[in-house]
């Protein structure tokens, strides 16, 4: 997997009311416009869903920030990935600066097994992978749900937002779509809560901004006390069909780094 460093979201009228408004000229036109907007926001989300459904390999970039970048949000880390909807296989690369520890690691998830590769192993180990399927400390950056299209497929249309659509996304989809190590389980207090988000198409590219910070604000203080909300305030994301149509395949070399030095992995 190529390494990248990234820089860079009708009311229903009664029959009587409808007749009254239609008899009032301008008011009737305004009501029709509002109804059209309602149809359009649903249609816009449906169109984006259709765009996503047609993607072969989904190429995506996710960035977790402390809050909205327009308000000075600070980057926590980046994830770059390729996802195959037909197989469920994933290639991911994490660029992290958590706790001041700058690192880049690659992940490969194939047939239910998770593999890990680190840049510190050196160029000779680029094709070498360690199986970390049961190692939670190393696989914490992987999303619980590897399908990156959740901001669209799990969304509920709310209103038009420029060329995009404002949506509500269930909290469970938000947390399971982000690194599993941040939130190993979905708190029960989030069961009926949605995060506000905006999904905007830009040609073949879909841009997403998820307001996680305000999702936390919907919780009572006693429930917030048990959640590490400082770890997630804003999820910025883009996705598109990968121009590289190559399939995601099993790792070429698998070795145990505790037994064989990474520089010698191809001989292990």
C-alpha atoms as a PDB file:
ATOM      1  CA  UNK A   1       0.000   0.000   0.000  1.00  0.00           C
ATOM      2  CA  UNK A   2       1.353   3.401  -0.960  1.00  0.00           C
ATOM      3  CA  UNK A   3       2.162   5.605   1.990  1.00  0.00           C
ATOM      4  CA  UNK A   4       0.657   9.079   2.021  1.00  0.00           C
ATOM      5  CA  UNK A   5       0.819  12.013   4.331  1.00  0.00           C
ATOM      6  CA  UNK A   6      -2.305  14.036   4.133  1.00  0.00           C
ATOM      7  CA  UNK A   7      -2.741  17.779   4.686  1.00  0.00           C
ATOM      8  CA  UNK A   8      -5.445  17.900   4.672  1.00  0.00           C
ATOM      9  CA  UNK A   9     -18.905  17.419   5.778  1.00  0.00           C
ATOM     10  CA  UNK A  10     -42.012  18.796   5.735  1.00  0.00           C
ATOM     11  CA  UNK A  11     -43.613  19.022   7.552  1.00  0.00           C
ATOM     12  CA  UNK A  12     -46.743  17.076   6.400  1.00  0.00           C
ATOM     13  CA  UNK A  13     -49.648  19.420   5.683  1.00  0.00           C
ATOM     14  CA  UNK A  14     -53.275  18.452   6.328  1.00  0.00           C
ATOM     15  CA  UNK A  15     -55.657  18.559   3.380  1.00  0.00           C
ATOM     16  CA  UNK A  16     -57.528  21.521   4.812  1.00  0.00           C
ATOM     17  CA  UNK A  17     -54.399  23.572   5.406  1.00  0.00           C
ATOM     18  CA  UNK A  18     -53.108  22.780   1.927  1.00  0.00           C
ATOM     19  CA  UNK A  19     -56.353  24.066   0.399  1.00  0.00           C
ATOM     20  CA  UNK A  20     -56.187  27.233   2.476  1.00  0.00           C
ATOM     21  CA  UNK A  21     -52.600  27.980   1.446  1.00  0.00           C
ATOM     22  CA  UNK A  22     -53.177  27.250  -2.226  1.00  0.00           C
ATOM     23  CA  UNK A  23     -55.990  29.796  -2.178  1.00  0.00           C
ATOM     24  CA  UNK A  24     -53.609  32.431  -0.801  1.00  0.00           C
ATOM     25  CA  UNK A  25     -51.315  32.815  -3.805  1.00  0.00           C
ATOM     26  CA  UNK A  26     -47.916  33.723  -2.364  1.00  0.00           C
ATOM     27  CA  UNK A  27     -48.323  31.609   0.762  1.00  0.00           C
ATOM     28  CA  UNK A  28     -49.157  28.629  -1.350  1.00  0.00           C
ATOM     29  CA  UNK A  29     -46.010  29.114  -3.443  1.00  0.00           C
ATOM     30  CA  UNK A  30     -43.876  29.379  -0.305  1.00  0.00           C
ATOM     31  CA  UNK A  31     -45.345  26.185   1.070  1.00  0.00           C
ATOM     32  CA  UNK A  32     -44.682  24.399  -2.219  1.00  0.00           C
ATOM     33  CA  UNK A  33     -41.067  25.556  -2.122  1.00  0.00           C
ATOM     34  CA  UNK A  34     -40.673  24.171   1.380  1.00  0.00           C
ATOM     35  CA  UNK A  35     -42.123  20.867   0.227  1.00  0.00           C
ATOM     36  CA  UNK A  36     -39.737  20.806  -2.738  1.00  0.00           C
ATOM     37  CA  UNK A  37     -36.797  21.380  -0.402  1.00  0.00           C
ATOM     38  CA  UNK A  38     -37.871  18.415   1.678  1.00  0.00           C
ATOM     39  CA  UNK A  39     -37.975  16.207  -1.405  1.00  0.00           C
ATOM     40  CA  UNK A  40     -34.674  17.534  -2.634  1.00  0.00           C
ATOM     41  CA  UNK A  41     -32.769  16.841   0.580  1.00  0.00           C
ATOM     42  CA  UNK A  42     -33.923  13.240   0.543  1.00  0.00           C
ATOM     43  CA  UNK A  43     -33.165  12.948  -3.149  1.00  0.00           C
ATOM     44  CA  UNK A  44     -29.725  14.460  -2.659  1.00  0.00           C
ATOM     45  CA  UNK A  45     -28.840  11.922   0.012  1.00  0.00           C
ATOM     46  CA  UNK A  46     -30.245   9.129  -2.149  1.00  0.00           C
ATOM     47  CA  UNK A  47     -28.091  10.305  -5.056  1.00  0.00           C
ATOM     48  CA  UNK A  48     -24.989  10.289  -2.867  1.00  0.00           C
ATOM     49  CA  UNK A  49     -25.901   6.815  -1.637  1.00  0.00           C
ATOM     50  CA  UNK A  50     -26.167   5.660  -5.238  1.00  0.00           C
ATOM     51  CA  UNK A  51     -22.780   7.174  -6.005  1.00  0.00           C
ATOM     52  CA  UNK A  52     -21.235   5.293  -3.097  1.00  0.00           C
ATOM     53  CA  UNK A  53     -22.955   2.027  -4.025  1.00  0.00           C
ATOM     54  CA  UNK A  54     -21.360   2.099  -7.480  1.00  0.00           C
ATOM     55  CA  UNK A  55     -17.812   2.360  -6.155  1.00  0.00           C
ATOM     56  CA  UNK A  56     -15.561  -0.623  -6.713  1.00  0.00           C
ATOM     57  CA  UNK A  57     -12.653  -0.014  -4.343  1.00  0.00           C
ATOM     58  CA  UNK A  58     -13.454   2.889  -1.975  1.00  0.00           C
ATOM     59  CA  UNK A  59     -10.457   5.125  -1.391  1.00  0.00           C
ATOM     60  CA  UNK A  60     -10.883   7.259   1.706  1.00  0.00           C
ATOM     61  CA  UNK A  61      -9.124   9.624   4.073  1.00  0.00           C
ATOM     62  CA  UNK A  62     -10.299  10.292   7.618  1.00  0.00           C
ATOM     63  CA  UNK A  63      -8.940  12.893  10.003  1.00  0.00           C
ATOM     64  CA  UNK A  64      -9.835  13.139  13.676  1.00  0.00           C
ATOM     65  CA  UNK A  65      -9.651  16.603  15.224  1.00  0.00           C
ATOM     66  CA  UNK A  66     -10.390  18.012  18.650  1.00  0.00           C
ATOM     67  CA  UNK A  67     -13.159  20.194  17.152  1.00  0.00           C
ATOM     68  CA  UNK A  68     -14.310  21.842  13.916  1.00  0.00           C
ATOM     69  CA  UNK A  69     -11.181  23.003  12.034  1.00  0.00           C
ATOM     70  CA  UNK A  70     -12.966  26.292  11.265  1.00  0.00           C
ATOM     71  CA  UNK A  71     -12.877  26.933  15.022  1.00  0.00           C
ATOM     72  CA  UNK A  72      -9.242  26.001  15.519  1.00  0.00           C
ATOM     73  CA  UNK A  73      -9.587  22.255  15.895  1.00  0.00           C
ATOM     74  CA  UNK A  74      -6.278  20.423  16.380  1.00  0.00           C
ATOM     75  CA  UNK A  75      -5.445  17.300  14.404  1.00  0.00           C
ATOM     76  CA  UNK A  76      -5.159  14.099  16.408  1.00  0.00           C
ATOM     77  CA  UNK A  77      -4.376  11.663  13.602  1.00  0.00           C
ATOM     78  CA  UNK A  78      -5.067  10.652  10.010  1.00  0.00           C
ATOM     79  CA  UNK A  79      -6.212   7.398   8.457  1.00  0.00           C
ATOM     80  CA  UNK A  80      -5.856   6.623   4.752  1.00  0.00           C
ATOM     81  CA  UNK A  81      -7.543   3.554   3.383  1.00  0.00           C
ATOM     82  CA  UNK A  82      -8.759   1.429   0.515  1.00  0.00           C
ATOM     83  CA  UNK A  83     -11.817  -0.735   1.121  1.00  0.00           C
ATOM     84  CA  UNK A  84     -13.331  -3.460  -1.024  1.00  0.00           C
ATOM     85  CA  UNK A  85     -17.133  -3.656  -0.541  1.00  0.00           C
ATOM     86  CA  UNK A  86     -17.251  -6.997  -2.351  1.00  0.00           C
ATOM     87  CA  UNK A  87     -14.791  -8.765  -0.030  1.00  0.00           C
ATOM     88  CA  UNK A  88     -14.712  -6.583   3.097  1.00  0.00           C
ATOM     89  CA  UNK A  89     -10.913  -6.412   2.842  1.00  0.00           C
ATOM     90  CA  UNK A  90      -9.082  -3.219   3.845  1.00  0.00           C
ATOM     91  CA  UNK A  91      -5.738  -1.514   3.499  1.00  0.00           C
ATOM     92  CA  UNK A  92      -5.176   1.310   5.985  1.00  0.00           C
ATOM     93  CA  UNK A  93      -2.341   3.607   6.903  1.00  0.00           C
ATOM     94  CA  UNK A  94      -2.258   5.654  10.115  1.00  0.00           C
ATOM     95  CA  UNK A  95      -0.285   8.853  10.577  1.00  0.00           C
ATOM     96  CA  UNK A  96      -0.424   9.750  14.253  1.00  0.00           C
ATOM     97  CA  UNK A  97       0.985  12.322  16.620  1.00  0.00           C
ATOM     98  CA  UNK A  98      -0.874  11.157  19.719  1.00  0.00           C
ATOM     99  CA  UNK A  99       0.939  12.091  22.951  1.00  0.00           C
ATOM    100  CA  UNK A 100       3.718  13.614  20.848  1.00  0.00           C
ATOM    101  CA  UNK A 101       4.708  10.204  19.510  1.00  0.00           C
ATOM    102  CA  UNK A 102       4.910  10.658  15.731  1.00  0.00           C
ATOM    103  CA  UNK A 103       4.544   7.406  13.855  1.00  0.00           C
ATOM    104  CA  UNK A 104       3.173   5.859  10.697  1.00  0.00           C
ATOM    105  CA  UNK A 105       1.941   2.284  10.485  1.00  0.00           C
ATOM    106  CA  UNK A 106       0.097   0.250   7.876  1.00  0.00           C
ATOM    107  CA  UNK A 107      -2.697  -2.250   8.407  1.00  0.00           C
ATOM    108  CA  UNK A 108      -4.072  -4.967   6.168  1.00  0.00           C
ATOM    109  CA  UNK A 109      -7.291  -6.806   6.990  1.00  0.00           C
ATOM    110  CA  UNK A 110      -7.905  -9.905   4.878  1.00  0.00           C
ATOM    111  CA  UNK A 111     -10.284 -12.806   5.535  1.00  0.00           C
ATOM    112  CA  UNK A 112     -10.779 -11.823   9.161  1.00  0.00           C
ATOM    113  CA  UNK A 113      -7.058 -11.573   9.925  1.00  0.00           C
ATOM    114  CA  UNK A 114      -5.349  -8.278  10.769  1.00  0.00           C
ATOM    115  CA  UNK A 115      -1.755  -7.546   9.802  1.00  0.00           C
ATOM    116  CA  UNK A 116       0.590  -4.759  10.816  1.00  0.00           C
ATOM    117  CA  UNK A 117       3.606  -3.093   9.163  1.00  0.00           C
ATOM    118  CA  UNK A 118       5.682  -0.238  10.605  1.00  0.00           C
ATOM    119  CA  UNK A 119       7.860   2.335   8.878  1.00  0.00           C
ATOM    120  CA  UNK A 120      10.460   1.840  11.624  1.00  0.00           C
ATOM    121  CA  UNK A 121      11.164  -1.622  10.192  1.00  0.00           C
ATOM    122  CA  UNK A 122      12.922   0.031   7.272  1.00  0.00           C
ATOM    123  CA  UNK A 123      12.535  -0.211   3.478  1.00  0.00           C
ATOM    124  CA  UNK A 124      13.628  -3.855   3.353  1.00  0.00           C
ATOM    125  CA  UNK A 125      10.558  -4.835   5.337  1.00  0.00           C
ATOM    126  CA  UNK A 126       7.964  -3.018   3.191  1.00  0.00           C
ATOM    127  CA  UNK A 127       6.379  -6.307   2.106  1.00  0.00           C
ATOM    128  CA  UNK A 128       6.555  -7.876   5.564  1.00  0.00           C
ATOM    129  CA  UNK A 129       3.606  -8.134   7.909  1.00  0.00           C
ATOM    130  CA  UNK A 130       3.024  -9.338  11.450  1.00  0.00           C
ATOM    131  CA  UNK A 131      -0.304 -10.949  12.348  1.00  0.00           C
ATOM    132  CA  UNK A 132      -1.873  -8.845  15.124  1.00  0.00           C
ATOM    133  CA  UNK A 133      -5.432 -10.161  14.965  1.00  0.00           C
ATOM    134  CA  UNK A 134      -5.564 -10.737  18.720  1.00  0.00           C
ATOM    135  CA  UNK A 135      -3.312  -7.797  19.674  1.00  0.00           C
ATOM    136  CA  UNK A 136      -5.595  -4.971  20.810  1.00  0.00           C
ATOM    137  CA  UNK A 137      -2.725  -2.647  21.672  1.00  0.00           C
ATOM    138  CA  UNK A 138      -1.506  -2.655  18.061  1.00  0.00           C
ATOM    139  CA  UNK A 139      -4.879  -2.747  16.305  1.00  0.00           C
ATOM    140  CA  UNK A 140      -6.530   0.083  18.261  1.00  0.00           C
ATOM    141  CA  UNK A 141      -6.424   2.501  15.280  1.00  0.00           C
ATOM    142  CA  UNK A 142      -8.567   0.238  13.112  1.00  0.00           C
ATOM    143  CA  UNK A 143     -12.281   1.083  12.906  1.00  0.00           C
ATOM    144  CA  UNK A 144     -14.612  -1.518  14.384  1.00  0.00           C
ATOM    145  CA  UNK A 145     -16.680  -1.251  11.194  1.00  0.00           C
ATOM    146  CA  UNK A 146     -14.177  -1.251   8.320  1.00  0.00           C
ATOM    147  CA  UNK A 147     -16.748   0.021   5.786  1.00  0.00           C
ATOM    148  CA  UNK A 148     -15.928   3.762   5.478  1.00  0.00           C
ATOM    149  CA  UNK A 149     -19.238   4.707   3.844  1.00  0.00           C
ATOM    150  CA  UNK A 150     -21.140   4.922   7.162  1.00  0.00           C
ATOM    151  CA  UNK A 151     -21.551   8.760   7.095  1.00  0.00           C
ATOM    152  CA  UNK A 152     -23.734   8.262   4.006  1.00  0.00           C
ATOM    153  CA  UNK A 153     -25.341   4.843   4.352  1.00  0.00           C
ATOM    154  CA  UNK A 154     -26.366   5.268   8.004  1.00  0.00           C
ATOM    155  CA  UNK A 155     -27.439   8.901   7.617  1.00  0.00           C
ATOM    156  CA  UNK A 156     -30.876  10.511   7.885  1.00  0.00           C
ATOM    157  CA  UNK A 157     -31.456  13.546   5.659  1.00  0.00           C
ATOM    158  CA  UNK A 158     -32.266  16.720   7.596  1.00  0.00           C
ATOM    159  CA  UNK A 159     -31.981  19.665   5.198  1.00  0.00           C
ATOM    160  CA  UNK A 160     -30.115  20.920   2.167  1.00  0.00           C
ATOM    161  CA  UNK A 161     -26.724  22.476   2.883  1.00  0.00           C
ATOM    162  CA  UNK A 162     -25.354  24.227  -0.184  1.00  0.00           C
ATOM    163  CA  UNK A 163     -24.534  21.559  -2.732  1.00  0.00           C
ATOM    164  CA  UNK A 164     -24.719  18.895  -0.039  1.00  0.00           C
ATOM    165  CA  UNK A 165     -27.108  17.734   2.615  1.00  0.00           C
ATOM    166  CA  UNK A 166     -27.094  18.055   6.387  1.00  0.00           C
ATOM    167  CA  UNK A 167     -27.742  14.684   7.984  1.00  0.00           C
ATOM    168  CA  UNK A 168     -28.085  12.980  11.324  1.00  0.00           C
ATOM    169  CA  UNK A 169     -25.836   9.961  11.891  1.00  0.00           C
ATOM    170  CA  UNK A 170     -26.502   7.493  14.727  1.00  0.00           C
ATOM    171  CA  UNK A 171     -23.867   7.747  17.448  1.00  0.00           C
ATOM    172  CA  UNK A 172     -23.192   4.029  17.197  1.00  0.00           C
ATOM    173  CA  UNK A 173     -22.209   4.378  13.524  1.00  0.00           C
ATOM    174  CA  UNK A 174     -19.949   7.310  14.378  1.00  0.00           C
ATOM    175  CA  UNK A 175     -18.055   5.497  17.127  1.00  0.00           C
ATOM    176  CA  UNK A 176     -17.710   2.174  15.320  1.00  0.00           C
ATOM    177  CA  UNK A 177     -16.537   4.012  12.200  1.00  0.00           C
ATOM    178  CA  UNK A 178     -13.662   5.638  14.081  1.00  0.00           C
ATOM    179  CA  UNK A 179     -10.624   3.929  15.696  1.00  0.00           C
ATOM    180  CA  UNK A 180     -11.790   1.158  18.012  1.00  0.00           C
ATOM    181  CA  UNK A 181      -9.181   1.955  20.653  1.00  0.00           C
ATOM    182  CA  UNK A 182     -10.833   5.305  21.390  1.00  0.00           C
ATOM    183  CA  UNK A 183     -14.210   3.799  22.218  1.00  0.00           C
ATOM    184  CA  UNK A 184     -14.050  -0.012  22.647  1.00  0.00           C
ATOM    185  CA  UNK A 185     -17.802  -0.083  23.286  1.00  0.00           C
ATOM    186  CA  UNK A 186     -20.697   2.229  22.492  1.00  0.00           C
ATOM    187  CA  UNK A 187     -22.058   3.695  25.757  1.00  0.00           C
ATOM    188  CA  UNK A 188     -25.736   2.858  26.289  1.00  0.00           C
ATOM    189  CA  UNK A 189     -26.431   6.561  26.860  1.00  0.00           C
ATOM    190  CA  UNK A 190     -25.783   7.164  23.142  1.00  0.00           C
ATOM    191  CA  UNK A 191     -28.443   4.730  21.911  1.00  0.00           C
ATOM    192  CA  UNK A 192     -30.942   7.381  20.783  1.00  0.00           C
ATOM    193  CA  UNK A 193     -28.496  10.172  19.943  1.00  0.00           C
ATOM    194  CA  UNK A 194     -27.355  11.353  16.521  1.00  0.00           C
ATOM    195  CA  UNK A 195     -24.346  13.381  15.472  1.00  0.00           C
ATOM    196  CA  UNK A 196     -24.880  16.286  13.112  1.00  0.00           C
ATOM    197  CA  UNK A 197     -22.984  15.986   9.849  1.00  0.00           C
ATOM    198  CA  UNK A 198     -22.791  17.443   6.352  1.00  0.00           C
ATOM    199  CA  UNK A 199     -22.198  15.291   3.282  1.00  0.00           C
ATOM    200  CA  UNK A 200     -21.197  17.114   0.091  1.00  0.00           C
ATOM    201  CA  UNK A 201     -20.363  15.655  -3.328  1.00  0.00           C
ATOM    202  CA  UNK A 202     -17.602  17.277  -5.389  1.00  0.00           C
ATOM    203  CA  UNK A 203     -17.772  15.371  -8.653  1.00  0.00           C
ATOM    204  CA  UNK A 204     -16.378  11.911  -7.907  1.00  0.00           C
ATOM    205  CA  UNK A 205     -15.279  12.981  -4.411  1.00  0.00           C
ATOM    206  CA  UNK A 206     -17.588  12.969  -1.392  1.00  0.00           C
ATOM    207  CA  UNK A 207     -16.670  15.209   1.544  1.00  0.00           C
ATOM    208  CA  UNK A 208     -17.939  14.596   5.066  1.00  0.00           C
ATOM    209  CA  UNK A 209     -17.789  16.590   8.290  1.00  0.00           C
ATOM    210  CA  UNK A 210     -19.171  14.988  11.466  1.00  0.00           C
ATOM    211  CA  UNK A 211     -19.726  17.150  14.549  1.00  0.00           C
ATOM    212  CA  UNK A 212     -18.843  14.682  17.294  1.00  0.00           C
ATOM    213  CA  UNK A 213     -18.413  17.416  19.907  1.00  0.00           C
ATOM    214  CA  UNK A 214     -22.101  18.354  19.868  1.00  0.00           C
ATOM    215  CA  UNK A 215     -23.014  14.691  20.003  1.00  0.00           C
ATOM    216  CA  UNK A 216     -21.418  14.605  23.452  1.00  0.00           C
ATOM    217  CA  UNK A 217     -23.344  17.736  24.435  1.00  0.00           C
ATOM    218  CA  UNK A 218     -26.597  15.803  24.105  1.00  0.00           C
ATOM    219  CA  UNK A 219     -25.613  13.554  27.017  1.00  0.00           C
ATOM    220  CA  UNK A 220     -26.303  14.176  30.722  1.00  0.00           C
ATOM    221  CA  UNK A 221     -23.213  15.021  32.781  1.00  0.00           C
ATOM    222  CA  UNK A 222     -23.349  11.751  34.690  1.00  0.00           C
ATOM    223  CA  UNK A 223     -23.069   9.802  31.425  1.00  0.00           C
ATOM    224  CA  UNK A 224     -20.319  12.058  30.076  1.00  0.00           C
ATOM    225  CA  UNK A 225     -18.150  11.306  33.096  1.00  0.00           C
ATOM    226  CA  UNK A 226     -17.491   7.784  31.833  1.00  0.00           C
ATOM    227  CA  UNK A 227     -16.603   8.806  28.247  1.00  0.00           C
ATOM    228  CA  UNK A 228     -13.250  10.172  27.052  1.00  0.00           C
ATOM    229  CA  UNK A 229     -14.813  12.954  24.997  1.00  0.00           C
ATOM    230  CA  UNK A 230     -11.549  14.883  24.693  1.00  0.00           C
ATOM    231  CA  UNK A 231     -10.354  12.235  22.263  1.00  0.00           C
ATOM    232  CA  UNK A 232     -12.852  13.078  19.540  1.00  0.00           C
ATOM    233  CA  UNK A 233     -14.555  16.322  18.550  1.00  0.00           C
ATOM    234  CA  UNK A 234     -14.687  16.370  14.755  1.00  0.00           C
ATOM    235  CA  UNK A 235     -14.355  13.719  12.065  1.00  0.00           C
ATOM    236  CA  UNK A 236     -13.387  15.082   8.623  1.00  0.00           C
ATOM    237  CA  UNK A 237     -13.449  12.640   5.746  1.00  0.00           C
ATOM    238  CA  UNK A 238     -13.323  12.252   1.983  1.00  0.00           C
ATOM    239  CA  UNK A 239     -14.121   9.186  -0.112  1.00  0.00           C
ATOM    240  CA  UNK A 240     -14.085   8.323  -3.802  1.00  0.00           C
ATOM    241  CA  UNK A 241     -13.748   5.340  -6.081  1.00  0.00           C
ATOM    242  CA  UNK A 242     -10.086   4.408  -6.213  1.00  0.00           C
ATOM    243  CA  UNK A 243      -8.416   5.058  -9.582  1.00  0.00           C
ATOM    244  CA  UNK A 244      -6.252   2.063  -8.683  1.00  0.00           C
ATOM    245  CA  UNK A 245      -8.631  -0.798  -9.313  1.00  0.00           C
ATOM    246  CA  UNK A 246      -6.224  -3.452  -8.082  1.00  0.00           C
ATOM    247  CA  UNK A 247      -7.709  -5.879  -5.584  1.00  0.00           C
ATOM    248  CA  UNK A 248      -6.667  -6.051  -1.930  1.00  0.00           C
ATOM    249  CA  UNK A 249      -4.630  -9.217  -1.510  1.00  0.00           C
ATOM    250  CA  UNK A 250      -3.122 -11.197   1.391  1.00  0.00           C
ATOM    251  CA  UNK A 251       0.288 -10.080   2.689  1.00  0.00           C
ATOM    252  CA  UNK A 252       3.311 -11.326   0.786  1.00  0.00           C
ATOM    253  CA  UNK A 253       5.433 -12.168   3.822  1.00  0.00           C
ATOM    254  CA  UNK A 254       4.108 -12.872   7.329  1.00  0.00           C
ATOM    255  CA  UNK A 255       6.568 -13.227  10.192  1.00  0.00           C
ATOM    256  CA  UNK A 256       6.835 -13.003  13.964  1.00  0.00           C
ATOM    257  CA  UNK A 257       8.938  -9.907  14.803  1.00  0.00           C
ATOM    258  CA  UNK A 258       9.575 -11.313  18.278  1.00  0.00           C
ATOM    259  CA  UNK A 259      11.485 -14.168  16.652  1.00  0.00           C
ATOM    260  CA  UNK A 260      12.831 -12.730  13.389  1.00  0.00           C
ATOM    261  CA  UNK A 261      14.267  -9.178  13.063  1.00  0.00           C
ATOM    262  CA  UNK A 262      12.166  -7.111  10.633  1.00  0.00           C
ATOM    263  CA  UNK A 263      15.203  -6.623   8.390  1.00  0.00           C
ATOM    264  CA  UNK A 264      15.357 -10.418   7.947  1.00  0.00           C
ATOM    265  CA  UNK A 265      11.609 -11.087   7.731  1.00  0.00           C
ATOM    266  CA  UNK A 266      11.727 -12.450   4.174  1.00  0.00           C
ATOM    267  CA  UNK A 267      13.991 -15.214   5.398  1.00  0.00           C
ATOM    268  CA  UNK A 268      11.863 -16.024   8.421  1.00  0.00           C
END
